[in-house]
C-alpha atoms as a PDB file:
ATOM      1  CA  MET A   1      -6.376  14.499 -59.854  1.00  0.00           C
ATOM      2  CA  VAL A   2      -3.494  12.076 -59.300  1.00  0.00           C
ATOM      3  CA  ILE A   3      -1.753  14.580 -57.036  1.00  0.00           C
ATOM      4  CA  TYR A   4      -5.002  15.155 -55.110  1.00  0.00           C
ATOM      5  CA  ARG A   5      -5.501  11.418 -54.582  1.00  0.00           C
ATOM      6  CA  THR A   6      -1.886  11.062 -53.530  1.00  0.00           C
ATOM      7  CA  ILE A   7      -2.343  13.766 -50.910  1.00  0.00           C
ATOM      8  CA  ILE A   8      -5.524  12.105 -49.617  1.00  0.00           C
ATOM      9  CA  LEU A   9      -3.764   8.736 -49.507  1.00  0.00           C
ATOM     10  CA  PHE A  10      -0.812  10.268 -47.655  1.00  0.00           C
ATOM     11  CA  LEU A  11      -3.092  11.939 -45.119  1.00  0.00           C
ATOM     12  CA  GLY A  12      -4.948   8.686 -44.604  1.00  0.00           C
ATOM     13  CA  ILE A  13      -1.729   6.781 -43.969  1.00  0.00           C
ATOM     14  CA  PHE A  14      -0.491   9.525 -41.642  1.00  0.00           C
ATOM     15  CA  ALA A  15      -3.743   9.583 -39.692  1.00  0.00           C
ATOM     16  CA  GLY A  16      -3.781   5.802 -39.477  1.00  0.00           C
ATOM     17  CA  GLY A  17      -0.232   5.814 -38.152  1.00  0.00           C
ATOM     18  CA  ALA A  18      -1.115   8.434 -35.554  1.00  0.00           C
ATOM     19  CA  ILE A  19      -4.056   6.371 -34.400  1.00  0.00           C
ATOM     20  CA  ALA A  20      -1.872   3.265 -34.202  1.00  0.00           C
ATOM     21  CA  GLN A  21       0.556   5.124 -32.010  1.00  0.00           C
ATOM     22  CA  THR A  22      -2.020   6.629 -29.664  1.00  0.00           C
ATOM     23  CA  ASN A  23      -4.661   3.915 -29.357  1.00  0.00           C
ATOM     24  CA  VAL A  24      -2.593   2.300 -26.609  1.00  0.00           C
ATOM     25  CA  ASP A  25      -3.353   3.870 -23.243  1.00  0.00           C
ATOM     26  CA  ILE A  26      -1.437   2.387 -20.322  1.00  0.00           C
ATOM     27  CA  THR A  27      -2.756   4.845 -17.736  1.00  0.00           C
ATOM     28  CA  GLY A  28      -3.439   3.023 -14.477  1.00  0.00           C
ATOM     29  CA  ARG A  29      -1.858   0.502 -12.115  1.00  0.00           C
ATOM     30  CA  TRP A  30       0.057  -2.560 -13.284  1.00  0.00           C
ATOM     31  CA  MET A  31       1.357  -5.349 -11.065  1.00  0.00           C
ATOM     32  CA  GLY A  32       3.697  -8.257 -11.659  1.00  0.00           C
ATOM     33  CA  SER A  33       7.316  -9.260 -11.218  1.00  0.00           C
ATOM     34  CA  VAL A  34      10.779  -7.985 -12.086  1.00  0.00           C
ATOM     35  CA  GLU A  35      13.693 -10.361 -12.554  1.00  0.00           C
ATOM     36  CA  ILE A  36      16.870  -9.468 -10.635  1.00  0.00           C
ATOM     37  CA  PRO A  37      20.047 -11.308 -11.736  1.00  0.00           C
ATOM     38  CA  LEU A  38      21.663 -13.422  -8.990  1.00  0.00           C
ATOM     39  CA  ALA A  39      18.910 -12.479  -6.538  1.00  0.00           C
ATOM     40  CA  GLN A  40      15.241 -13.029  -5.808  1.00  0.00           C
ATOM     41  CA  ASP A  41      12.678 -11.621  -8.196  1.00  0.00           C
ATOM     42  CA  MET A  42      10.857  -8.554  -6.926  1.00  0.00           C
ATOM     43  CA  HIS A  43       7.147  -7.898  -6.671  1.00  0.00           C
ATOM     44  CA  ALA A  44       6.397  -4.800  -8.758  1.00  0.00           C
ATOM     45  CA  GLU A  45       3.673  -2.197  -8.953  1.00  0.00           C
ATOM     46  CA  TYR A  46       3.850   0.438 -11.692  1.00  0.00           C
ATOM     47  CA  THR A  47       1.552   3.445 -11.936  1.00  0.00           C
ATOM     48  CA  PHE A  48       1.478   5.162 -15.340  1.00  0.00           C
ATOM     49  CA  LEU A  49      -0.096   8.403 -16.489  1.00  0.00           C
ATOM     50  CA  GLN A  50      -0.210   8.745 -20.282  1.00  0.00           C
ATOM     51  CA  ASN A  51      -0.647  12.065 -22.075  1.00  0.00           C
ATOM     52  CA  GLY A  52      -0.626  11.478 -25.812  1.00  0.00           C
ATOM     53  CA  LEU A  53       2.630   9.651 -26.547  1.00  0.00           C
ATOM     54  CA  LEU A  54       4.301  10.696 -23.294  1.00  0.00           C
ATOM     55  CA  ILE A  55       4.151   8.777 -20.035  1.00  0.00           C
ATOM     56  CA  SER A  56       5.111   9.540 -16.451  1.00  0.00           C
ATOM     57  CA  GLY A  57       4.561   7.823 -13.146  1.00  0.00           C
ATOM     58  CA  TYR A  58       6.390   5.785 -10.574  1.00  0.00           C
ATOM     59  CA  ALA A  59       7.363   2.218  -9.746  1.00  0.00           C
ATOM     60  CA  LYS A  60       7.370   0.413  -6.399  1.00  0.00           C
ATOM     61  CA  LEU A  61       9.418  -2.777  -6.103  1.00  0.00           C
ATOM     62  CA  LYS A  62       9.769  -5.085  -3.116  1.00  0.00           C
ATOM     63  CA  SER A  63      11.700  -8.320  -2.730  1.00  0.00           C
ATOM     64  CA  LEU A  64       9.668 -11.416  -1.920  1.00  0.00           C
ATOM     65  CA  ASN A  65      11.320 -11.720   1.489  1.00  0.00           C
ATOM     66  CA  GLY A  66      10.401  -8.104   2.254  1.00  0.00           C
ATOM     67  CA  ARG A  67      13.938  -6.940   2.952  1.00  0.00           C
ATOM     68  CA  ASP A  68      14.650  -4.771  -0.067  1.00  0.00           C
ATOM     69  CA  SER A  69      12.314  -2.188  -1.529  1.00  0.00           C
ATOM     70  CA  MET A  70      12.377   0.958  -3.603  1.00  0.00           C
ATOM     71  CA  LYS A  71      10.142   3.573  -5.163  1.00  0.00           C
ATOM     72  CA  TYR A  72      11.246   5.739  -8.061  1.00  0.00           C
ATOM     73  CA  LYS A  73       9.792   8.220 -10.541  1.00  0.00           C
ATOM     74  CA  LEU A  74       9.813   7.402 -14.247  1.00  0.00           C
ATOM     75  CA  SER A  75       9.228   9.078 -17.586  1.00  0.00           C
ATOM     76  CA  GLY A  76       9.136   7.929 -21.200  1.00  0.00           C
ATOM     77  CA  SER A  77       7.022   7.481 -24.304  1.00  0.00           C
ATOM     78  CA  VAL A  78       4.781   5.068 -26.210  1.00  0.00           C
ATOM     79  CA  LYS A  79       5.200   4.247 -29.882  1.00  0.00           C
ATOM     80  CA  ASN A  80       3.574   1.476 -31.928  1.00  0.00           C
ATOM     81  CA  GLY A  81       2.629  -0.444 -28.809  1.00  0.00           C
ATOM     82  CA  ILE A  82       6.162  -0.307 -27.379  1.00  0.00           C
ATOM     83  CA  ILE A  83       6.663   1.514 -24.104  1.00  0.00           C
ATOM     84  CA  HIS A  84      10.070   3.052 -23.395  1.00  0.00           C
ATOM     85  CA  PHE A  85      10.820   4.659 -20.037  1.00  0.00           C
ATOM     86  CA  LYS A  86      13.633   5.242 -17.570  1.00  0.00           C
ATOM     87  CA  GLY A  87      13.852   5.759 -13.845  1.00  0.00           C
ATOM     88  CA  THR A  88      14.599   9.399 -13.053  1.00  0.00           C
ATOM     89  CA  GLU A  89      14.719   9.740  -9.272  1.00  0.00           C
ATOM     90  CA  PHE A  90      14.440   7.558  -6.169  1.00  0.00           C
ATOM     91  CA  GLU A  91      11.830   8.506  -3.586  1.00  0.00           C
ATOM     92  CA  TYR A  92      13.289   5.875  -1.278  1.00  0.00           C
ATOM     93  CA  LYS A  93      15.333   2.699  -1.457  1.00  0.00           C
ATOM     94  CA  THR A  94      16.595   0.035   0.921  1.00  0.00           C
ATOM     95  CA  GLY A  95      19.274  -2.465   0.002  1.00  0.00           C
ATOM     96  CA  SER A  96      21.065  -2.305  -3.315  1.00  0.00           C
ATOM     97  CA  ALA A  97      19.116  -0.571  -6.074  1.00  0.00           C
ATOM     98  CA  CYS A  98      19.810   1.276  -9.312  1.00  0.00           C
ATOM     99  CA  LEU A  99      17.803   3.118 -11.934  1.00  0.00           C
ATOM    100  CA  SER A 100      17.367   1.518 -15.352  1.00  0.00           C
ATOM    101  CA  GLN A 101      16.024   1.826 -18.879  1.00  0.00           C
ATOM    102  CA  THR A 102      12.941  -0.316 -19.577  1.00  0.00           C
ATOM    103  CA  GLU A 103      11.263  -1.414 -22.803  1.00  0.00           C
ATOM    104  CA  LEU A 104       7.882  -3.175 -22.655  1.00  0.00           C
ATOM    105  CA  LYS A 105       5.491  -4.451 -25.308  1.00  0.00           C
ATOM    106  CA  TYR A 106       1.784  -3.891 -24.848  1.00  0.00           C
ATOM    107  CA  SER A 107      -0.610  -6.780 -25.504  1.00  0.00           C
ATOM    108  CA  HIS A 108      -4.395  -6.876 -25.197  1.00  0.00           C
ATOM    109  CA  GLU A 109      -4.816 -10.486 -26.297  1.00  0.00           C
ATOM    110  CA  ASN A 110      -5.526 -11.375 -22.689  1.00  0.00           C
ATOM    111  CA  ASN A 111      -7.882  -9.760 -20.248  1.00  0.00           C
ATOM    112  CA  PRO A 112      -6.534  -7.829 -18.454  1.00  0.00           C
ATOM    113  CA  PRO A 113      -3.902  -6.391 -20.851  1.00  0.00           C
ATOM    114  CA  THR A 114      -0.235  -7.177 -20.244  1.00  0.00           C
ATOM    115  CA  LEU A 115       3.148  -5.504 -20.541  1.00  0.00           C
ATOM    116  CA  ALA A 116       6.246  -7.642 -21.029  1.00  0.00           C
ATOM    117  CA  GLY A 117       9.867  -6.859 -21.788  1.00  0.00           C
ATOM    118  CA  ARG A 118      13.165  -6.125 -20.085  1.00  0.00           C
ATOM    119  CA  TRP A 119      14.948  -3.528 -18.006  1.00  0.00           C
ATOM    120  CA  LYS A 120      18.629  -2.858 -18.577  1.00  0.00           C
ATOM    121  CA  GLY A 121      21.514  -0.645 -17.546  1.00  0.00           C
ATOM    122  CA  ASP A 122      23.485   1.627 -19.841  1.00  0.00           C
ATOM    123  CA  MET A 123      26.656   3.674 -19.849  1.00  0.00           C
ATOM    124  CA  LYS A 124      25.278   6.463 -17.684  1.00  0.00           C
ATOM    125  CA  LEU A 125      26.638   6.500 -14.139  1.00  0.00           C
ATOM    126  CA  SER A 126      23.146   7.237 -12.760  1.00  0.00           C
ATOM    127  CA  THR A 127      21.723   3.929 -14.000  1.00  0.00           C
ATOM    128  CA  CYS A 128      22.413   0.241 -13.515  1.00  0.00           C
ATOM    129  CA  PRO A 129      25.708  -0.999 -15.027  1.00  0.00           C
ATOM    130  CA  PRO A 130      25.704  -1.834 -18.746  1.00  0.00           C
ATOM    131  CA  GLY A 131      25.017  -5.475 -19.527  1.00  0.00           C
ATOM    132  CA  VAL A 132      22.831  -5.972 -16.443  1.00  0.00           C
ATOM    133  CA  SER A 133      19.193  -6.708 -17.301  1.00  0.00           C
ATOM    134  CA  GLY A 134      16.141  -8.724 -16.350  1.00  0.00           C
ATOM    135  CA  LYS A 135      12.603  -9.589 -17.424  1.00  0.00           C
ATOM    136  CA  VAL A 136       9.576  -7.488 -16.534  1.00  0.00           C
ATOM    137  CA  GLU A 137       6.080  -9.005 -16.672  1.00  0.00           C
ATOM    138  CA  LEU A 138       3.039  -6.941 -15.674  1.00  0.00           C
ATOM    139  CA  GLY A 139      -0.732  -7.211 -15.808  1.00  0.00           C
ATOM    140  CA  LYS A 140      -3.100  -4.264 -15.609  1.00  0.00           C
ATOM    141  CA  ILE A 141      -5.148  -3.848 -12.463  1.00  0.00           C
ATOM    142  CA  ILE A 142      -8.753  -3.346 -13.438  1.00  0.00           C
ATOM    143  CA  GLU A 143     -10.166  -0.859 -10.967  1.00  0.00           C
ATOM    144  CA  THR A 144     -13.766  -1.605 -10.085  1.00  0.00           C
ATOM    145  CA  ILE A 145     -16.157   0.621  -8.205  1.00  0.00           C
ATOM    146  CA  PRO A 146     -18.274  -1.421  -5.816  1.00  0.00           C
ATOM    147  CA  GLU A 147     -22.006  -1.057  -5.987  1.00  0.00           C
ATOM    148  CA  PRO A 148     -23.399   1.052  -3.154  1.00  0.00           C
ATOM    149  CA  ILE A 149     -24.573  -1.093  -0.293  1.00  0.00           C
ATOM    150  CA  ALA A 150     -28.260  -0.583   0.195  1.00  0.00           C
ATOM    151  CA  LEU A 151     -29.306   0.145   3.753  1.00  0.00           C
ATOM    152  CA  ARG A 152     -31.003  -2.843   5.260  1.00  0.00           C
ATOM    153  CA  GLU A 153     -33.632  -2.943   7.919  1.00  0.00           C
ATOM    154  CA  ALA A 154     -32.409  -3.797  11.371  1.00  0.00           C
ATOM    155  CA  VAL A 155     -32.151  -7.527  11.913  1.00  0.00           C
ATOM    156  CA  LYS A 156     -35.018  -8.731  14.060  1.00  0.00           C
ATOM    157  CA  ILE A 157     -34.085 -11.121  16.820  1.00  0.00           C
ATOM    158  CA  GLU A 158     -36.710 -13.749  17.429  1.00  0.00           C
ATOM    159  CA  PRO A 159     -37.814 -14.151  21.068  1.00  0.00           C
ATOM    160  CA  ASN A 160     -36.497 -17.711  21.152  1.00  0.00           C
ATOM    161  CA  ASP A 161     -33.098 -16.772  19.656  1.00  0.00           C
ATOM    162  CA  PHE A 162     -31.152 -16.715  22.907  1.00  0.00           C
ATOM    163  CA  GLU A 163     -27.748 -16.462  21.250  1.00  0.00           C
ATOM    164  CA  GLY A 164     -28.897 -13.601  19.020  1.00  0.00           C
ATOM    165  CA  THR A 165     -30.264 -11.711  22.020  1.00  0.00           C
ATOM    166  CA  GLU A 166     -26.998 -12.181  23.901  1.00  0.00           C
ATOM    167  CA  LEU A 167     -25.038 -11.023  20.856  1.00  0.00           C
ATOM    168  CA  VAL A 168     -27.027  -7.788  20.682  1.00  0.00           C
ATOM    169  CA  LYS A 169     -26.418  -7.211  24.394  1.00  0.00           C
ATOM    170  CA  GLU A 170     -22.689  -7.756  23.954  1.00  0.00           C
ATOM    171  CA  LEU A 171     -22.478  -5.398  20.979  1.00  0.00           C
ATOM    172  CA  SER A 172     -24.345  -2.643  22.828  1.00  0.00           C
ATOM    173  CA  LYS A 173     -21.672  -2.569  25.557  1.00  0.00           C
ATOM    174  CA  ARG A 174     -18.721  -1.951  23.281  1.00  0.00           C
ATOM    175  CA  LYS A 175     -16.730   1.211  22.647  1.00  0.00           C
ATOM    176  CA  TYR A 176     -14.427   1.829  19.706  1.00  0.00           C
ATOM    177  CA  TYR A 177     -11.006   3.449  20.137  1.00  0.00           C
ATOM    178  CA  ALA A 178      -8.519   4.396  17.410  1.00  0.00           C
ATOM    179  CA  LEU A 179      -4.888   5.503  17.317  1.00  0.00           C
ATOM    180  CA  ILE A 180      -4.113   6.922  13.870  1.00  0.00           C
ATOM    181  CA  ILE A 181      -0.531   7.783  12.908  1.00  0.00           C
ATOM    182  CA  GLY A 182       0.605   9.479   9.700  1.00  0.00           C
ATOM    183  CA  ILE A 183       4.237  10.499   9.084  1.00  0.00           C
ATOM    184  CA  ASP A 184       5.436  12.135   5.888  1.00  0.00           C
ATOM    185  CA  ASP A 185       7.905  14.771   7.141  1.00  0.00           C
ATOM    186  CA  TYR A 186      11.298  13.569   8.433  1.00  0.00           C
ATOM    187  CA  ALA A 187      13.910  15.699  10.165  1.00  0.00           C
ATOM    188  CA  ASP A 188      16.801  13.604   8.810  1.00  0.00           C
ATOM    189  CA  ASP A 189      17.700  14.748   5.291  1.00  0.00           C
ATOM    190  CA  GLY A 190      18.754  11.166   4.525  1.00  0.00           C
ATOM    191  CA  ILE A 191      15.155   9.948   4.905  1.00  0.00           C
ATOM    192  CA  GLN A 192      12.957  10.780   1.939  1.00  0.00           C
ATOM    193  CA  ASN A 193       9.781  12.684   2.799  1.00  0.00           C
ATOM    194  CA  LEU A 194       6.543  11.063   1.657  1.00  0.00           C
ATOM    195  CA  ASP A 195       3.443  12.464  -0.043  1.00  0.00           C
ATOM    196  CA  ASN A 196       0.305  10.912   1.430  1.00  0.00           C
ATOM    197  CA  PRO A 197       0.566   9.444   4.980  1.00  0.00           C
ATOM    198  CA  VAL A 198      -0.834  12.469   6.811  1.00  0.00           C
ATOM    199  CA  LYS A 199      -3.598  12.864   4.227  1.00  0.00           C
ATOM    200  CA  ASP A 200      -4.412   9.156   4.562  1.00  0.00           C
ATOM    201  CA  ALA A 201      -4.504   9.437   8.359  1.00  0.00           C
ATOM    202  CA  LEU A 202      -6.937  12.360   8.239  1.00  0.00           C
ATOM    203  CA  GLU A 203      -9.138  10.472   5.773  1.00  0.00           C
ATOM    204  CA  ILE A 204      -9.169   7.382   8.021  1.00  0.00           C
ATOM    205  CA  LYS A 205     -10.307   9.582  10.922  1.00  0.00           C
ATOM    206  CA  ARG A 206     -13.095  11.066   8.804  1.00  0.00           C
ATOM    207  CA  VAL A 207     -14.310   7.656   7.660  1.00  0.00           C
ATOM    208  CA  LEU A 208     -14.330   6.227  11.190  1.00  0.00           C
ATOM    209  CA  GLN A 209     -16.365   9.139  12.516  1.00  0.00           C
ATOM    210  CA  THR A 210     -18.736   9.299   9.532  1.00  0.00           C
ATOM    211  CA  ASN A 211     -19.395   5.660   8.709  1.00  0.00           C
ATOM    212  CA  TYR A 212     -18.658   3.830  11.942  1.00  0.00           C
ATOM    213  CA  THR A 213     -19.391   4.175  15.647  1.00  0.00           C
ATOM    214  CA  PHE A 214     -16.149   5.846  16.696  1.00  0.00           C
ATOM    215  CA  GLU A 215     -16.771   8.826  18.968  1.00  0.00           C
ATOM    216  CA  PRO A 216     -14.453  11.807  18.321  1.00  0.00           C
ATOM    217  CA  GLU A 217     -13.121  11.752  21.880  1.00  0.00           C
ATOM    218  CA  ASN A 218     -12.037   8.126  21.410  1.00  0.00           C
ATOM    219  CA  ILE A 219      -9.884   8.844  18.336  1.00  0.00           C
ATOM    220  CA  GLN A 220      -6.272   9.958  18.725  1.00  0.00           C
ATOM    221  CA  ILE A 221      -4.631  11.220  15.546  1.00  0.00           C
ATOM    222  CA  LEU A 222      -0.883  11.861  15.404  1.00  0.00           C
ATOM    223  CA  THR A 223       0.541  13.746  12.421  1.00  0.00           C
ATOM    224  CA  ASN A 224       4.329  13.579  12.151  1.00  0.00           C
ATOM    225  CA  PRO A 225       4.809  12.407  15.761  1.00  0.00           C
ATOM    226  CA  THR A 226       8.091  11.635  17.494  1.00  0.00           C
ATOM    227  CA  ARG A 227       8.814   8.234  19.004  1.00  0.00           C
ATOM    228  CA  THR A 228       7.946   9.655  22.427  1.00  0.00           C
ATOM    229  CA  ASN A 229       4.585  10.916  21.128  1.00  0.00           C
ATOM    230  CA  ILE A 230       3.695   7.443  19.839  1.00  0.00           C
ATOM    231  CA  ILE A 231       4.698   5.657  23.052  1.00  0.00           C
ATOM    232  CA  GLU A 232       2.800   8.155  25.204  1.00  0.00           C
ATOM    233  CA  SER A 233      -0.303   7.698  23.033  1.00  0.00           C
ATOM    234  CA  PHE A 234      -0.156   3.921  23.412  1.00  0.00           C
ATOM    235  CA  ASP A 235       0.170   4.415  27.189  1.00  0.00           C
ATOM    236  CA  LEU A 236      -2.797   6.798  27.251  1.00  0.00           C
ATOM    237  CA  VAL A 237      -5.147   4.573  25.294  1.00  0.00           C
ATOM    238  CA  SER A 238      -4.128   1.514  27.331  1.00  0.00           C
ATOM    239  CA  GLU A 239      -5.494   3.247  30.437  1.00  0.00           C
ATOM    240  CA  LYS A 240      -8.911   3.816  28.818  1.00  0.00           C
ATOM    241  CA  ILE A 241      -9.656   0.575  27.012  1.00  0.00           C
ATOM    242  CA  THR A 242     -11.543  -2.166  28.832  1.00  0.00           C
ATOM    243  CA  GLU A 243     -11.882  -5.834  28.018  1.00  0.00           C
ATOM    244  CA  ARG A 244     -15.146  -5.257  26.138  1.00  0.00           C
ATOM    245  CA  ASP A 245     -13.840  -2.445  23.907  1.00  0.00           C
ATOM    246  CA  HIS A 246     -12.362  -2.533  20.389  1.00  0.00           C
ATOM    247  CA  PHE A 247      -9.113  -0.902  19.311  1.00  0.00           C
ATOM    248  CA  LEU A 248      -7.916   0.148  15.836  1.00  0.00           C
ATOM    249  CA  VAL A 249      -4.324   1.207  15.126  1.00  0.00           C
ATOM    250  CA  PHE A 250      -3.399   2.734  11.760  1.00  0.00           C
ATOM    251  CA  TYR A 251       0.171   3.643  10.766  1.00  0.00           C
ATOM    252  CA  ALA A 252       1.378   5.163   7.494  1.00  0.00           C
ATOM    253  CA  GLY A 253       5.008   6.167   7.074  1.00  0.00           C
ATOM    254  CA  HIS A 254       8.477   4.774   6.518  1.00  0.00           C
ATOM    255  CA  GLY A 255       9.652   1.413   7.764  1.00  0.00           C
ATOM    256  CA  ILE A 256      13.103  -0.103   7.656  1.00  0.00           C
ATOM    257  CA  TRP A 257      14.576  -3.587   8.020  1.00  0.00           C
ATOM    258  CA  ASP A 258      17.648  -4.359  10.111  1.00  0.00           C
ATOM    259  CA  GLU A 259      19.295  -7.421   8.593  1.00  0.00           C
ATOM    260  CA  ARG A 260      21.544  -8.116  11.584  1.00  0.00           C
ATOM    261  CA  LEU A 261      18.660  -8.070  14.077  1.00  0.00           C
ATOM    262  CA  SER A 262      16.127  -9.596  11.666  1.00  0.00           C
ATOM    263  CA  GLN A 263      13.770  -6.914  12.889  1.00  0.00           C
ATOM    264  CA  GLY A 264      11.504  -4.344  11.266  1.00  0.00           C
ATOM    265  CA  PHE A 265      11.030  -0.802  12.562  1.00  0.00           C
ATOM    266  CA  TRP A 266       8.681   2.137  12.128  1.00  0.00           C
ATOM    267  CA  LEU A 267      10.451   5.459  11.601  1.00  0.00           C
ATOM    268  CA  PRO A 268       8.934   8.358  13.604  1.00  0.00           C
ATOM    269  CA  THR A 269       9.514  11.899  12.418  1.00  0.00           C
ATOM    270  CA  ASP A 270      12.600  12.302  14.660  1.00  0.00           C
ATOM    271  CA  ALA A 271      14.261   9.079  13.444  1.00  0.00           C
ATOM    272  CA  THR A 272      17.760   9.240  11.985  1.00  0.00           C
ATOM    273  CA  LEU A 273      19.546   6.722   9.795  1.00  0.00           C
ATOM    274  CA  SER A 274      22.698   7.006  11.893  1.00  0.00           C
ATOM    275  CA  SER A 275      21.067   5.791  15.135  1.00  0.00           C
ATOM    276  CA  LYS A 276      18.239   3.437  16.139  1.00  0.00           C
ATOM    277  CA  ALA A 277      17.516   5.434  19.296  1.00  0.00           C
ATOM    278  CA  GLN A 278      14.293   6.891  17.886  1.00  0.00           C
ATOM    279  CA  TRP A 279      13.222   3.902  15.795  1.00  0.00           C
ATOM    280  CA  LEU A 280      10.145   1.963  16.938  1.00  0.00           C
ATOM    281  CA  SER A 281      10.542  -1.782  16.612  1.00  0.00           C
ATOM    282  CA  ASN A 282       7.848  -4.201  15.527  1.00  0.00           C
ATOM    283  CA  SER A 283       8.438  -6.122  18.753  1.00  0.00           C
ATOM    284  CA  THR A 284       7.618  -3.017  20.835  1.00  0.00           C
ATOM    285  CA  ILE A 285       4.463  -2.417  18.818  1.00  0.00           C
ATOM    286  CA  ARG A 286       3.492  -6.081  19.203  1.00  0.00           C
ATOM    287  CA  ASP A 287       4.006  -5.911  22.969  1.00  0.00           C
ATOM    288  CA  TYR A 288       1.694  -2.922  23.233  1.00  0.00           C
ATOM    289  CA  ILE A 289      -0.951  -4.449  20.976  1.00  0.00           C
ATOM    290  CA  THR A 290      -0.995  -7.747  22.866  1.00  0.00           C
ATOM    291  CA  GLY A 291      -0.816  -6.029  26.265  1.00  0.00           C
ATOM    292  CA  ILE A 292      -3.765  -3.663  25.788  1.00  0.00           C
ATOM    293  CA  LYS A 293      -6.797  -5.436  27.244  1.00  0.00           C
ATOM    294  CA  SER A 294      -9.231  -4.866  24.398  1.00  0.00           C
ATOM    295  CA  LYS A 295     -11.735  -7.429  23.198  1.00  0.00           C
ATOM    296  CA  HIS A 296     -10.590  -7.067  19.574  1.00  0.00           C
ATOM    297  CA  THR A 297      -7.636  -5.150  18.138  1.00  0.00           C
ATOM    298  CA  LEU A 298      -6.935  -4.465  14.459  1.00  0.00           C
ATOM    299  CA  LEU A 299      -3.567  -3.078  13.344  1.00  0.00           C
ATOM    300  CA  ILE A 300      -3.340  -1.615   9.826  1.00  0.00           C
ATOM    301  CA  THR A 301       0.062  -0.488   8.581  1.00  0.00           C
ATOM    302  CA  ASP A 302       1.238   0.967   5.304  1.00  0.00           C
ATOM    303  CA  ALA A 303       5.006   0.737   5.752  1.00  0.00           C
ATOM    304  CA  CYS A 304       7.935  -1.360   4.601  1.00  0.00           C
ATOM    305  CA  PHE A 305       8.782  -4.446   6.641  1.00  0.00           C
ATOM    306  CA  SER A 306       5.723  -4.296   8.888  1.00  0.00           C
ATOM    307  CA  GLY A 307       4.755  -7.891   8.163  1.00  0.00           C
ATOM    308  CA  SER A 308       5.043 -10.805  10.584  1.00  0.00           C
ATOM    309  CA  ILE A 309       3.724  -8.788  13.522  1.00  0.00           C
ATOM    310  CA  PHE A 310       1.020 -11.421  13.948  1.00  0.00           C
ATOM    311  CA  LYS A 311       0.126 -14.665  12.221  1.00  0.00           C
ATOM    312  CA  GLU A 312      -3.486 -15.608  11.743  1.00  0.00           C
ATOM    313  CA  ARG A 313      -5.908 -18.027  10.149  1.00  0.00           C
ATOM    314  CA  ALA A 314      -9.277 -17.095   8.754  1.00  0.00           C
ATOM    315  CA  VAL A 315     -12.506 -18.723   9.977  1.00  0.00           C
ATOM    316  CA  THR A 316     -16.008 -18.030   8.715  1.00  0.00           C
ATOM    317  CA  PHE A 317     -19.144 -18.123  10.870  1.00  0.00           C
ATOM    318  CA  ASP A 318     -22.695 -17.813   9.611  1.00  0.00           C
ATOM    319  CA  ASN A 319     -25.089 -18.136  12.565  1.00  0.00           C
ATOM    320  CA  SER A 320     -25.866 -16.351  15.833  1.00  0.00           C
ATOM    321  CA  ARG A 321     -24.333 -18.956  18.123  1.00  0.00           C
ATOM    322  CA  ALA A 322     -21.070 -19.092  16.174  1.00  0.00           C
ATOM    323  CA  MET A 323     -20.901 -15.299  15.994  1.00  0.00           C
ATOM    324  CA  LEU A 324     -21.504 -15.019  19.731  1.00  0.00           C
ATOM    325  CA  GLU A 325     -18.746 -17.504  20.525  1.00  0.00           C
ATOM    326  CA  MET A 326     -16.403 -15.732  18.104  1.00  0.00           C
ATOM    327  CA  TYR A 327     -17.196 -12.365  19.667  1.00  0.00           C
ATOM    328  CA  LYS A 328     -16.336 -13.655  23.134  1.00  0.00           C
ATOM    329  CA  LEU A 329     -12.803 -14.589  22.045  1.00  0.00           C
ATOM    330  CA  PRO A 330     -10.138 -11.851  22.208  1.00  0.00           C
ATOM    331  CA  SER A 331      -8.418 -11.254  18.872  1.00  0.00           C
ATOM    332  CA  ARG A 332      -5.335  -9.470  17.594  1.00  0.00           C
ATOM    333  CA  LYS A 333      -5.177  -9.004  13.815  1.00  0.00           C
ATOM    334  CA  ALA A 334      -2.706  -7.175  11.599  1.00  0.00           C
ATOM    335  CA  MET A 335      -3.066  -5.922   8.022  1.00  0.00           C
ATOM    336  CA  THR A 336       0.225  -4.784   6.501  1.00  0.00           C
ATOM    337  CA  SER A 337       1.271  -3.331   3.192  1.00  0.00           C
ATOM    338  CA  GLY A 338       4.856  -2.758   2.243  1.00  0.00           C
ATOM    339  CA  ALA A 339       5.805  -0.016  -0.158  1.00  0.00           C
END
């Protein structure tokens, strides 16, 4: 009987320990900061996939001034609420960067949960030098699924609502044009190929046609275009768009920062690291965007160093007259995301 109870007790302790080790699930996106000795801290986004006690994923880091960035794969394990992982391979990097060992402690005292600890180098030549380390502080991104938007009845314009009537007339005259660019395959072996830009571009095209009033003939989609292809497409759409039309530009692919010129560039599929001849500068893109005579233009980019193309301030309007006056004003807006 004593032996039997001892076995039961042992199994209970073992099971409890297993639960303690596996009840931490860090799967998902985490964002925060990484301390870099003798330099600016970096904005960090980690994506983890946990399978039992093993984890994999990748990390994207970008300096606050936008000039240095990196993305690398990682692998490791979780034990007793402590996460150990190491960088295994760069997908891309700009500026000085090295792979490291990282140890983080999981805490759910706050909502959302947090990870905090340090990265460090070791004696391996493939990692950061030994003795170099910095703090890592992350919070989990709680993904929320928005409630479906119920279809509403068409807004009725009262006969005496002159501004509302004029607004409807203005909106009925518009056409929507889109130039969608996705680049994930690069001819230069020194430029890391990407996974999702072309897929993202195709999805953007589908959404515009399905959920918005973009006619198929008014959408240009470029998958892995050269610099010449992009310039020719801007020229083509500039000949079609009138002052009452709207224009959307979407770019996903690599970007690069030239420190000497203080200039950001898109990298077309024929770009090379040894020459800027096929790079497409932010200033060239800005000149096209501002020169095309659309009523409203929206530029969306998912590339490093695409910020500062435009500067803007947000204004909110909540009545027909204000909306009509806003609609009459030409606008050029940019949404950028570095990775």
